[in-house]
Amino acid sequence: MNKDDLKDLEYLNDEMEPETINLTFEDGTEAELVVLDIFDLEDKSYIALVDEDGDPDEVFFYEYKELDDDEIELENIENKEELNKVLDVFEEIYFEEGELNEN
């Protein structure tokens, strides 16, 4: 997957298009997902994605790696402890007292 496949991340206001990425899941289904954020935790980067046409409460998290040749790689987060840390950081970034953080 090429980094150029991702649309511009600068969509924080309604005038700009959200950055999207096309994924093929293990069951063969494909989806165009909106990039909510790419954030760091400890020594790794993670990406949060949501299906624009699906359940808005279903967020997909992957380890995010930028490769040398302008490619990106997404890896499943297999470790539950690691996933829980990622969820905690995401919630800190996006939710404040149960409300969506608008900054």
PDB file of N, CA and C in Angstrom:
ATOM      1  N   MET A   1       0.845  -1.166   0.000  1.00  0.00           N
ATOM      2  CA  MET A   1       0.000   0.000   0.000  1.00  0.00           C
ATOM      3  C   MET A   1       0.893   1.232   0.000  1.00  0.00           C
ATOM      4  N   ASN A   2       0.598   2.161  -0.820  1.00  0.00           N
ATOM      5  CA  ASN A   2       1.415   3.355  -0.968  1.00  0.00           C
ATOM      6  C   ASN A   2       0.841   4.487  -0.132  1.00  0.00           C
ATOM      7  N   LYS A   3       1.729   5.278   0.490  1.00  0.00           N
ATOM      8  CA  LYS A   3       1.273   6.423   1.268  1.00  0.00           C
ATOM      9  C   LYS A   3       0.460   7.377   0.420  1.00  0.00           C
ATOM     10  N   ASP A   4       0.728   7.433  -0.878  1.00  0.00           N
ATOM     11  CA  ASP A   4      -0.031   8.306  -1.759  1.00  0.00           C
ATOM     12  C   ASP A   4      -1.472   7.824  -1.939  1.00  0.00           C
ATOM     13  N   ASP A   5      -1.756   6.556  -1.545  1.00  0.00           N
ATOM     14  CA  ASP A   5      -3.119   6.045  -1.606  1.00  0.00           C
ATOM     15  C   ASP A   5      -4.005   6.719  -0.566  1.00  0.00           C
ATOM     16  N   LEU A   6      -3.390   7.317   0.429  1.00  0.00           N
ATOM     17  CA  LEU A   6      -4.140   8.000   1.465  1.00  0.00           C
ATOM     18  C   LEU A   6      -4.447   9.410   0.999  1.00  0.00           C
ATOM     19  N   LYS A   7      -5.673   9.843   1.173  1.00  0.00           N
ATOM     20  CA  LYS A   7      -6.043  11.207   0.817  1.00  0.00           C
ATOM     21  C   LYS A   7      -5.564  12.156   1.903  1.00  0.00           C
ATOM     22  N   ASP A   8      -5.585  13.425   1.641  1.00  0.00           N
ATOM     23  CA  ASP A   8      -5.087  14.463   2.541  1.00  0.00           C
ATOM     24  C   ASP A   8      -5.709  14.358   3.928  1.00  0.00           C
ATOM     25  N   LEU A   9      -4.866  14.338   4.959  1.00  0.00           N
ATOM     26  CA  LEU A   9      -5.316  14.205   6.340  1.00  0.00           C
ATOM     27  C   LEU A   9      -5.913  15.488   6.883  1.00  0.00           C
ATOM     28  N   GLU A  10      -5.733  16.593   6.198  1.00  0.00           N
ATOM     29  CA  GLU A  10      -6.209  17.890   6.676  1.00  0.00           C
ATOM     30  C   GLU A  10      -7.704  18.068   6.412  1.00  0.00           C
ATOM     31  N   TYR A  11      -8.521  17.292   7.119  1.00  0.00           N
ATOM     32  CA  TYR A  11      -9.965  17.384   6.919  1.00  0.00           C
ATOM     33  C   TYR A  11     -10.690  17.766   8.201  1.00  0.00           C
ATOM     34  N   LEU A  12     -10.006  18.460   9.080  1.00  0.00           N
ATOM     35  CA  LEU A  12     -10.575  18.739  10.383  1.00  0.00           C
ATOM     36  C   LEU A  12     -11.779  19.674  10.337  1.00  0.00           C
ATOM     37  N   ASN A  13     -11.958  20.419   9.261  1.00  0.00           N
ATOM     38  CA  ASN A  13     -13.199  21.173   9.131  1.00  0.00           C
ATOM     39  C   ASN A  13     -14.012  20.572   7.992  1.00  0.00           C
ATOM     40  N   ASP A  14     -15.270  20.978   7.894  1.00  0.00           N
ATOM     41  CA  ASP A  14     -16.192  20.368   6.938  1.00  0.00           C
ATOM     42  C   ASP A  14     -15.865  20.652   5.483  1.00  0.00           C
ATOM     43  N   GLU A  15     -14.960  21.584   5.219  1.00  0.00           N
ATOM     44  CA  GLU A  15     -14.655  21.957   3.843  1.00  0.00           C
ATOM     45  C   GLU A  15     -13.692  20.982   3.169  1.00  0.00           C
ATOM     46  N   MET A  16     -13.044  20.139   3.935  1.00  0.00           N
ATOM     47  CA  MET A  16     -12.021  19.259   3.369  1.00  0.00           C
ATOM     48  C   MET A  16     -12.481  17.808   3.392  1.00  0.00           C
ATOM     49  N   GLU A  17     -11.995  17.043   2.444  1.00  0.00           N
ATOM     50  CA  GLU A  17     -12.299  15.631   2.344  1.00  0.00           C
ATOM     51  C   GLU A  17     -11.524  14.853   3.404  1.00  0.00           C
ATOM     52  N   PRO A  18     -12.139  13.844   3.989  1.00  0.00           N
ATOM     53  CA  PRO A  18     -11.396  13.012   4.939  1.00  0.00           C
ATOM     54  C   PRO A  18     -10.380  12.137   4.201  1.00  0.00           C
ATOM     55  N   GLU A  19      -9.321  11.811   4.888  1.00  0.00           N
ATOM     56  CA  GLU A  19      -8.327  10.891   4.351  1.00  0.00           C
ATOM     57  C   GLU A  19      -8.917   9.491   4.435  1.00  0.00           C
ATOM     58  N   THR A  20      -8.787   8.733   3.364  1.00  0.00           N
ATOM     59  CA  THR A  20      -9.332   7.378   3.358  1.00  0.00           C
ATOM     60  C   THR A  20      -8.268   6.373   2.958  1.00  0.00           C
ATOM     61  N   ILE A  21      -8.555   5.132   3.274  1.00  0.00           N
ATOM     62  CA  ILE A  21      -7.674   4.027   2.922  1.00  0.00           C
ATOM     63  C   ILE A  21      -8.556   2.837   2.562  1.00  0.00           C
ATOM     64  N   ASN A  22      -8.176   2.104   1.543  1.00  0.00           N
ATOM     65  CA  ASN A  22      -8.919   0.908   1.143  1.00  0.00           C
ATOM     66  C   ASN A  22      -8.262  -0.313   1.759  1.00  0.00           C
ATOM     67  N   LEU A  23      -9.069  -1.110   2.464  1.00  0.00           N
ATOM     68  CA  LEU A  23      -8.560  -2.321   3.104  1.00  0.00           C
ATOM     69  C   LEU A  23      -9.325  -3.545   2.617  1.00  0.00           C
ATOM     70  N   THR A  24      -8.622  -4.656   2.538  1.00  0.00           N
ATOM     71  CA  THR A  24      -9.244  -5.944   2.286  1.00  0.00           C
ATOM     72  C   THR A  24      -9.078  -6.759   3.561  1.00  0.00           C
ATOM     73  N   PHE A  25     -10.195  -7.187   4.143  1.00  0.00           N
ATOM     74  CA  PHE A  25     -10.169  -7.939   5.379  1.00  0.00           C
ATOM     75  C   PHE A  25      -9.873  -9.411   5.108  1.00  0.00           C
ATOM     76  N   GLU A  26      -9.598 -10.156   6.190  1.00  0.00           N
ATOM     77  CA  GLU A  26      -9.237 -11.566   6.068  1.00  0.00           C
ATOM     78  C   GLU A  26     -10.316 -12.390   5.368  1.00  0.00           C
ATOM     79  N   ASP A  27     -11.584 -11.978   5.505  1.00  0.00           N
ATOM     80  CA  ASP A  27     -12.672 -12.726   4.875  1.00  0.00           C
ATOM     81  C   ASP A  27     -12.884 -12.345   3.412  1.00  0.00           C
ATOM     82  N   GLY A  28     -12.022 -11.444   2.893  1.00  0.00           N
ATOM     83  CA  GLY A  28     -12.089 -11.050   1.497  1.00  0.00           C
ATOM     84  C   GLY A  28     -12.939  -9.825   1.219  1.00  0.00           C
ATOM     85  N   THR A  29     -13.688  -9.351   2.208  1.00  0.00           N
ATOM     86  CA  THR A  29     -14.478  -8.148   1.995  1.00  0.00           C
ATOM     87  C   THR A  29     -13.572  -6.927   1.965  1.00  0.00           C
ATOM     88  N   GLU A  30     -14.005  -5.938   1.199  1.00  0.00           N
ATOM     89  CA  GLU A  30     -13.234  -4.709   1.062  1.00  0.00           C
ATOM     90  C   GLU A  30     -14.051  -3.547   1.601  1.00  0.00           C
ATOM     91  N   ALA A  31     -13.342  -2.543   2.122  1.00  0.00           N
ATOM     92  CA  ALA A  31     -14.014  -1.361   2.639  1.00  0.00           C
ATOM     93  C   ALA A  31     -13.118  -0.154   2.475  1.00  0.00           C
ATOM     94  N   GLU A  32     -13.748   0.982   2.202  1.00  0.00           N
ATOM     95  CA  GLU A  32     -13.035   2.252   2.203  1.00  0.00           C
ATOM     96  C   GLU A  32     -13.228   2.844   3.599  1.00  0.00           C
ATOM     97  N   LEU A  33     -12.136   3.015   4.317  1.00  0.00           N
ATOM     98  CA  LEU A  33     -12.190   3.469   5.698  1.00  0.00           C
ATOM     99  C   LEU A  33     -11.628   4.875   5.821  1.00  0.00           C
ATOM    100  N   VAL A  34     -12.219   5.636   6.722  1.00  0.00           N
ATOM    101  CA  VAL A  34     -11.778   6.997   7.002  1.00  0.00           C
ATOM    102  C   VAL A  34     -10.722   6.948   8.099  1.00  0.00           C
ATOM    103  N   VAL A  35      -9.622   7.656   7.873  1.00  0.00           N
ATOM    104  CA  VAL A  35      -8.555   7.737   8.868  1.00  0.00           C
ATOM    105  C   VAL A  35      -8.962   8.762   9.919  1.00  0.00           C
ATOM    106  N   LEU A  36      -9.161   8.298  11.149  1.00  0.00           N
ATOM    107  CA  LEU A  36      -9.470   9.209  12.246  1.00  0.00           C
ATOM    108  C   LEU A  36      -8.201   9.860  12.772  1.00  0.00           C
ATOM    109  N   ASP A  37      -7.145   9.055  12.898  1.00  0.00           N
ATOM    110  CA  ASP A  37      -5.894   9.593  13.417  1.00  0.00           C
ATOM    111  C   ASP A  37      -4.785   8.562  13.271  1.00  0.00           C
ATOM    112  N   ILE A  38      -3.580   9.064  13.249  1.00  0.00           N
ATOM    113  CA  ILE A  38      -2.371   8.259  13.372  1.00  0.00           C
ATOM    114  C   ILE A  38      -1.661   8.826  14.585  1.00  0.00           C
ATOM    115  N   PHE A  39      -1.405   7.986  15.578  1.00  0.00           N
ATOM    116  CA  PHE A  39      -0.834   8.469  16.828  1.00  0.00           C
ATOM    117  C   PHE A  39       0.228   7.503  17.334  1.00  0.00           C
ATOM    118  N   ASP A  40       1.094   8.020  18.202  1.00  0.00           N
ATOM    119  CA  ASP A  40       2.193   7.231  18.746  1.00  0.00           C
ATOM    120  C   ASP A  40       1.886   6.787  20.171  1.00  0.00           C
ATOM    121  N   LEU A  41       2.384   5.613  20.487  1.00  0.00           N
ATOM    122  CA  LEU A  41       2.312   5.064  21.835  1.00  0.00           C
ATOM    123  C   LEU A  41       3.593   4.281  22.044  1.00  0.00           C
ATOM    124  N   GLU A  42       4.334   4.712  23.060  1.00  0.00           N
ATOM    125  CA  GLU A  42       5.635   4.120  23.322  1.00  0.00           C
ATOM    126  C   GLU A  42       6.484   4.228  22.064  1.00  0.00           C
ATOM    127  N   ASP A  43       6.973   3.159  21.498  1.00  0.00           N
ATOM    128  CA  ASP A  43       7.863   3.269  20.332  1.00  0.00           C
ATOM    129  C   ASP A  43       7.188   2.831  19.030  1.00  0.00           C
ATOM    130  N   LYS A  44       5.838   2.828  19.006  1.00  0.00           N
ATOM    131  CA  LYS A  44       5.110   2.402  17.817  1.00  0.00           C
ATOM    132  C   LYS A  44       4.085   3.457  17.420  1.00  0.00           C
ATOM    133  N   SER A  45       3.661   3.398  16.153  1.00  0.00           N
ATOM    134  CA  SER A  45       2.585   4.257  15.663  1.00  0.00           C
ATOM    135  C   SER A  45       1.366   3.388  15.394  1.00  0.00           C
ATOM    136  N   TYR A  46       0.194   3.992  15.590  1.00  0.00           N
ATOM    137  CA  TYR A  46      -1.072   3.287  15.392  1.00  0.00           C
ATOM    138  C   TYR A  46      -1.995   4.152  14.552  1.00  0.00           C
ATOM    139  N   ILE A  47      -2.908   3.481  13.863  1.00  0.00           N
ATOM    140  CA  ILE A  47      -3.885   4.190  13.049  1.00  0.00           C
ATOM    141  C   ILE A  47      -5.279   3.771  13.508  1.00  0.00           C
ATOM    142  N   ALA A  48      -6.175   4.747  13.590  1.00  0.00           N
ATOM    143  CA  ALA A  48      -7.575   4.505  13.928  1.00  0.00           C
ATOM    144  C   ALA A  48      -8.402   4.777  12.686  1.00  0.00           C
ATOM    145  N   LEU A  49      -9.216   3.807  12.293  1.00  0.00           N
ATOM    146  CA  LEU A  49     -10.018   3.884  11.071  1.00  0.00           C
ATOM    147  C   LEU A  49     -11.476   3.608  11.380  1.00  0.00           C
ATOM    148  N   VAL A  50     -12.366   4.211  10.609  1.00  0.00           N
ATOM    149  CA  VAL A  50     -13.799   3.943  10.746  1.00  0.00           C
ATOM    150  C   VAL A  50     -14.388   3.815   9.344  1.00  0.00           C
ATOM    151  N   ASP A  51     -15.342   2.901   9.204  1.00  0.00           N
ATOM    152  CA  ASP A  51     -16.024   2.699   7.925  1.00  0.00           C
ATOM    153  C   ASP A  51     -17.050   3.805   7.757  1.00  0.00           C
ATOM    154  N   GLU A  52     -16.869   4.614   6.730  1.00  0.00           N
ATOM    155  CA  GLU A  52     -17.750   5.753   6.492  1.00  0.00           C
ATOM    156  C   GLU A  52     -19.200   5.318   6.295  1.00  0.00           C
ATOM    157  N   ASP A  53     -19.405   4.138   5.732  1.00  0.00           N
ATOM    158  CA  ASP A  53     -20.755   3.645   5.457  1.00  0.00           C
ATOM    159  C   ASP A  53     -21.247   2.643   6.496  1.00  0.00           C
ATOM    160  N   GLY A  54     -20.398   2.333   7.483  1.00  0.00           N
ATOM    161  CA  GLY A  54     -20.762   1.316   8.469  1.00  0.00           C
ATOM    162  C   GLY A  54     -21.131   1.923   9.807  1.00  0.00           C
ATOM    163  N   ASP A  55     -20.999   1.127  10.838  1.00  0.00           N
ATOM    164  CA  ASP A  55     -21.310   1.533  12.203  1.00  0.00           C
ATOM    165  C   ASP A  55     -20.280   2.553  12.673  1.00  0.00           C
ATOM    166  N   PRO A  56     -20.709   3.784  12.996  1.00  0.00           N
ATOM    167  CA  PRO A  56     -19.743   4.815  13.403  1.00  0.00           C
ATOM    168  C   PRO A  56     -19.068   4.506  14.736  1.00  0.00           C
ATOM    169  N   ASP A  57     -19.639   3.570  15.508  1.00  0.00           N
ATOM    170  CA  ASP A  57     -19.028   3.199  16.782  1.00  0.00           C
ATOM    171  C   ASP A  57     -17.986   2.094  16.623  1.00  0.00           C
ATOM    172  N   GLU A  58     -17.861   1.546  15.418  1.00  0.00           N
ATOM    173  CA  GLU A  58     -16.892   0.482  15.172  1.00  0.00           C
ATOM    174  C   GLU A  58     -15.613   1.097  14.605  1.00  0.00           C
ATOM    175  N   VAL A  59     -14.606   1.177  15.457  1.00  0.00           N
ATOM    176  CA  VAL A  59     -13.317   1.758  15.077  1.00  0.00           C
ATOM    177  C   VAL A  59     -12.316   0.622  14.946  1.00  0.00           C
ATOM    178  N   PHE A  60     -11.551   0.649  13.871  1.00  0.00           N
ATOM    179  CA  PHE A  60     -10.520  -0.360  13.625  1.00  0.00           C
ATOM    180  C   PHE A  60      -9.167   0.233  13.993  1.00  0.00           C
ATOM    181  N   PHE A  61      -8.373  -0.511  14.739  1.00  0.00           N
ATOM    182  CA  PHE A  61      -7.047  -0.070  15.139  1.00  0.00           C
ATOM    183  C   PHE A  61      -6.001  -1.030  14.585  1.00  0.00           C
ATOM    184  N   TYR A  62      -4.937  -0.449  14.037  1.00  0.00           N
ATOM    185  CA  TYR A  62      -3.826  -1.234  13.504  1.00  0.00           C
ATOM    186  C   TYR A  62      -2.516  -0.566  13.890  1.00  0.00           C
ATOM    187  N   GLU A  63      -1.471  -1.385  13.980  1.00  0.00           N
ATOM    188  CA  GLU A  63      -0.138  -0.805  14.080  1.00  0.00           C
ATOM    189  C   GLU A  63       0.186  -0.245  12.699  1.00  0.00           C
ATOM    190  N   TYR A  64       0.757   0.941  12.669  1.00  0.00           N
ATOM    191  CA  TYR A  64       1.014   1.665  11.424  1.00  0.00           C
ATOM    192  C   TYR A  64       2.515   1.814  11.253  1.00  0.00           C
ATOM    193  N   LYS A  65       3.024   1.402  10.097  1.00  0.00           N
ATOM    194  CA  LYS A  65       4.449   1.519   9.803  1.00  0.00           C
ATOM    195  C   LYS A  65       4.637   2.194   8.454  1.00  0.00           C
ATOM    196  N   GLU A  66       5.514   3.201   8.423  1.00  0.00           N
ATOM    197  CA  GLU A  66       5.910   3.805   7.151  1.00  0.00           C
ATOM    198  C   GLU A  66       7.196   3.116   6.716  1.00  0.00           C
ATOM    199  N   LEU A  67       7.173   2.542   5.534  1.00  0.00           N
ATOM    200  CA  LEU A  67       8.319   1.825   5.008  1.00  0.00           C
ATOM    201  C   LEU A  67       9.190   2.778   4.197  1.00  0.00           C
ATOM    202  N   ASP A  68      10.395   2.363   3.909  1.00  0.00           N
ATOM    203  CA  ASP A  68      11.370   3.219   3.230  1.00  0.00           C
ATOM    204  C   ASP A  68      10.938   3.688   1.845  1.00  0.00           C
ATOM    205  N   ASP A  69      10.223   2.878   1.125  1.00  0.00           N
ATOM    206  CA  ASP A  69       9.899   3.186  -0.269  1.00  0.00           C
ATOM    207  C   ASP A  69       8.534   3.858  -0.430  1.00  0.00           C
ATOM    208  N   ASP A  70       8.171   4.723   0.516  1.00  0.00           N
ATOM    209  CA  ASP A  70       6.923   5.476   0.465  1.00  0.00           C
ATOM    210  C   ASP A  70       5.698   4.573   0.565  1.00  0.00           C
ATOM    211  N   GLU A  71       5.875   3.386   1.094  1.00  0.00           N
ATOM    212  CA  GLU A  71       4.789   2.445   1.320  1.00  0.00           C
ATOM    213  C   GLU A  71       4.431   2.465   2.802  1.00  0.00           C
ATOM    214  N   ILE A  72       3.205   2.043   3.104  1.00  0.00           N
ATOM    215  CA  ILE A  72       2.804   1.873   4.489  1.00  0.00           C
ATOM    216  C   ILE A  72       2.403   0.428   4.715  1.00  0.00           C
ATOM    217  N   GLU A  73       2.468   0.018   5.974  1.00  0.00           N
ATOM    218  CA  GLU A  73       2.087  -1.333   6.340  1.00  0.00           C
ATOM    219  C   GLU A  73       1.210  -1.251   7.577  1.00  0.00           C
ATOM    220  N   LEU A  74       0.103  -1.966   7.558  1.00  0.00           N
ATOM    221  CA  LEU A  74      -0.779  -2.053   8.709  1.00  0.00           C
ATOM    222  C   LEU A  74      -0.722  -3.470   9.241  1.00  0.00           C
ATOM    223  N   GLU A  75      -0.559  -3.589  10.557  1.00  0.00           N
ATOM    224  CA  GLU A  75      -0.510  -4.905  11.187  1.00  0.00           C
ATOM    225  C   GLU A  75      -1.577  -4.993  12.258  1.00  0.00           C
ATOM    226  N   ASN A  76      -2.212  -6.163  12.339  1.00  0.00           N
ATOM    227  CA  ASN A  76      -3.182  -6.390  13.399  1.00  0.00           C
ATOM    228  C   ASN A  76      -2.501  -6.280  14.758  1.00  0.00           C
ATOM    229  N   ILE A  77      -3.245  -5.818  15.737  1.00  0.00           N
ATOM    230  CA  ILE A  77      -2.757  -5.760  17.115  1.00  0.00           C
ATOM    231  C   ILE A  77      -3.249  -7.035  17.788  1.00  0.00           C
ATOM    232  N   GLU A  78      -2.363  -7.984  17.971  1.00  0.00           N
ATOM    233  CA  GLU A  78      -2.738  -9.305  18.482  1.00  0.00           C
ATOM    234  C   GLU A  78      -2.752  -9.356  20.006  1.00  0.00           C
ATOM    235  N   ASN A  79      -1.933  -8.537  20.660  1.00  0.00           N
ATOM    236  CA  ASN A  79      -1.786  -8.574  22.112  1.00  0.00           C
ATOM    237  C   ASN A  79      -2.875  -7.737  22.775  1.00  0.00           C
ATOM    238  N   LYS A  80      -3.682  -8.361  23.659  1.00  0.00           N
ATOM    239  CA  LYS A  80      -4.797  -7.645  24.296  1.00  0.00           C
ATOM    240  C   LYS A  80      -4.320  -6.489  25.165  1.00  0.00           C
ATOM    241  N   GLU A  81      -3.210  -6.666  25.838  1.00  0.00           N
ATOM    242  CA  GLU A  81      -2.672  -5.593  26.682  1.00  0.00           C
ATOM    243  C   GLU A  81      -2.287  -4.389  25.829  1.00  0.00           C
ATOM    244  N   GLU A  82      -1.632  -4.658  24.708  1.00  0.00           N
ATOM    245  CA  GLU A  82      -1.258  -3.587  23.781  1.00  0.00           C
ATOM    246  C   GLU A  82      -2.505  -2.897  23.225  1.00  0.00           C
ATOM    247  N   LEU A  83      -3.506  -3.683  22.831  1.00  0.00           N
ATOM    248  CA  LEU A  83      -4.746  -3.119  22.301  1.00  0.00           C
ATOM    249  C   LEU A  83      -5.438  -2.242  23.350  1.00  0.00           C
ATOM    250  N   ASN A  84      -5.462  -2.683  24.591  1.00  0.00           N
ATOM    251  CA  ASN A  84      -6.078  -1.885  25.651  1.00  0.00           C
ATOM    252  C   ASN A  84      -5.365  -0.554  25.836  1.00  0.00           C
ATOM    253  N   LYS A  85      -4.042  -0.550  25.742  1.00  0.00           N
ATOM    254  CA  LYS A  85      -3.285   0.704  25.832  1.00  0.00           C
ATOM    255  C   LYS A  85      -3.628   1.632  24.667  1.00  0.00           C
ATOM    256  N   VAL A  86      -3.741   1.058  23.466  1.00  0.00           N
ATOM    257  CA  VAL A  86      -4.093   1.839  22.278  1.00  0.00           C
ATOM    258  C   VAL A  86      -5.484   2.450  22.457  1.00  0.00           C
ATOM    259  N   LEU A  87      -6.429   1.658  22.945  1.00  0.00           N
ATOM    260  CA  LEU A  87      -7.782   2.157  23.188  1.00  0.00           C
ATOM    261  C   LEU A  87      -7.785   3.285  24.213  1.00  0.00           C
ATOM    262  N   ASP A  88      -7.004   3.133  25.271  1.00  0.00           N
ATOM    263  CA  ASP A  88      -6.920   4.172  26.299  1.00  0.00           C
ATOM    264  C   ASP A  88      -6.397   5.482  25.722  1.00  0.00           C
ATOM    265  N   VAL A  89      -5.340   5.412  24.918  1.00  0.00           N
ATOM    266  CA  VAL A  89      -4.770   6.616  24.317  1.00  0.00           C
ATOM    267  C   VAL A  89      -5.779   7.248  23.361  1.00  0.00           C
ATOM    268  N   PHE A  90      -6.430   6.422  22.545  1.00  0.00           N
ATOM    269  CA  PHE A  90      -7.430   6.939  21.612  1.00  0.00           C
ATOM    270  C   PHE A  90      -8.551   7.658  22.369  1.00  0.00           C
ATOM    271  N   GLU A  91      -9.033   7.043  23.433  1.00  0.00           N
ATOM    272  CA  GLU A  91     -10.100   7.667  24.214  1.00  0.00           C
ATOM    273  C   GLU A  91      -9.629   8.978  24.849  1.00  0.00           C
ATOM    274  N   GLU A  92      -8.386   9.017  25.303  1.00  0.00           N
ATOM    275  CA  GLU A  92      -7.847  10.262  25.859  1.00  0.00           C
ATOM    276  C   GLU A  92      -7.801  11.360  24.802  1.00  0.00           C
ATOM    277  N   ILE A  93      -7.458  10.986  23.578  1.00  0.00           N
ATOM    278  CA  ILE A  93      -7.354  11.956  22.492  1.00  0.00           C
ATOM    279  C   ILE A  93      -8.734  12.468  22.079  1.00  0.00           C
ATOM    280  N   TYR A  94      -9.710  11.573  21.964  1.00  0.00           N
ATOM    281  CA  TYR A  94     -10.983  11.923  21.342  1.00  0.00           C
ATOM    282  C   TYR A  94     -12.162  12.119  22.275  1.00  0.00           C
ATOM    283  N   PHE A  95     -12.044  11.688  23.505  1.00  0.00           N
ATOM    284  CA  PHE A  95     -13.192  11.805  24.395  1.00  0.00           C
ATOM    285  C   PHE A  95     -12.790  12.476  25.692  1.00  0.00           C
ATOM    286  N   GLU A  96     -13.650  13.375  26.133  1.00  0.00           N
ATOM    287  CA  GLU A  96     -13.415  14.071  27.380  1.00  0.00           C
ATOM    288  C   GLU A  96     -14.730  14.068  28.134  1.00  0.00           C
ATOM    289  N   GLU A  97     -14.773  13.349  29.239  1.00  0.00           N
ATOM    290  CA  GLU A  97     -15.979  13.225  30.046  1.00  0.00           C
ATOM    291  C   GLU A  97     -17.172  12.760  29.208  1.00  0.00           C
ATOM    292  N   GLY A  98     -16.928  11.787  28.331  1.00  0.00           N
ATOM    293  CA  GLY A  98     -18.001  11.230  27.527  1.00  0.00           C
ATOM    294  C   GLY A  98     -18.382  12.036  26.300  1.00  0.00           C
ATOM    295  N   GLU A  99     -17.736  13.160  26.074  1.00  0.00           N
ATOM    296  CA  GLU A  99     -18.032  13.996  24.929  1.00  0.00           C
ATOM    297  C   GLU A  99     -16.882  13.925  23.931  1.00  0.00           C
ATOM    298  N   LEU A 100     -17.192  14.026  22.655  1.00  0.00           N
ATOM    299  CA  LEU A 100     -16.174  14.044  21.617  1.00  0.00           C
ATOM    300  C   LEU A 100     -15.316  15.287  21.791  1.00  0.00           C
ATOM    301  N   ASN A 101     -14.002  15.100  21.821  1.00  0.00           N
ATOM    302  CA  ASN A 101     -13.071  16.215  21.962  1.00  0.00           C
ATOM    303  C   ASN A 101     -12.965  16.915  20.619  1.00  0.00           C
ATOM    304  N   GLU A 102     -13.316  18.189  20.555  1.00  0.00           N
ATOM    305  CA  GLU A 102     -13.395  18.921  19.292  1.00  0.00           C
ATOM    306  C   GLU A 102     -12.107  19.642  18.916  1.00  0.00           C
ATOM    307  N   ASN A 103     -10.967  19.364  19.520  1.00  0.00           N
ATOM    308  CA  ASN A 103      -9.752  20.080  19.131  1.00  0.00           C
ATOM    309  C   ASN A 103      -9.009  19.259  18.185  1.00  0.00           C
TER     310      ASN A 103
END
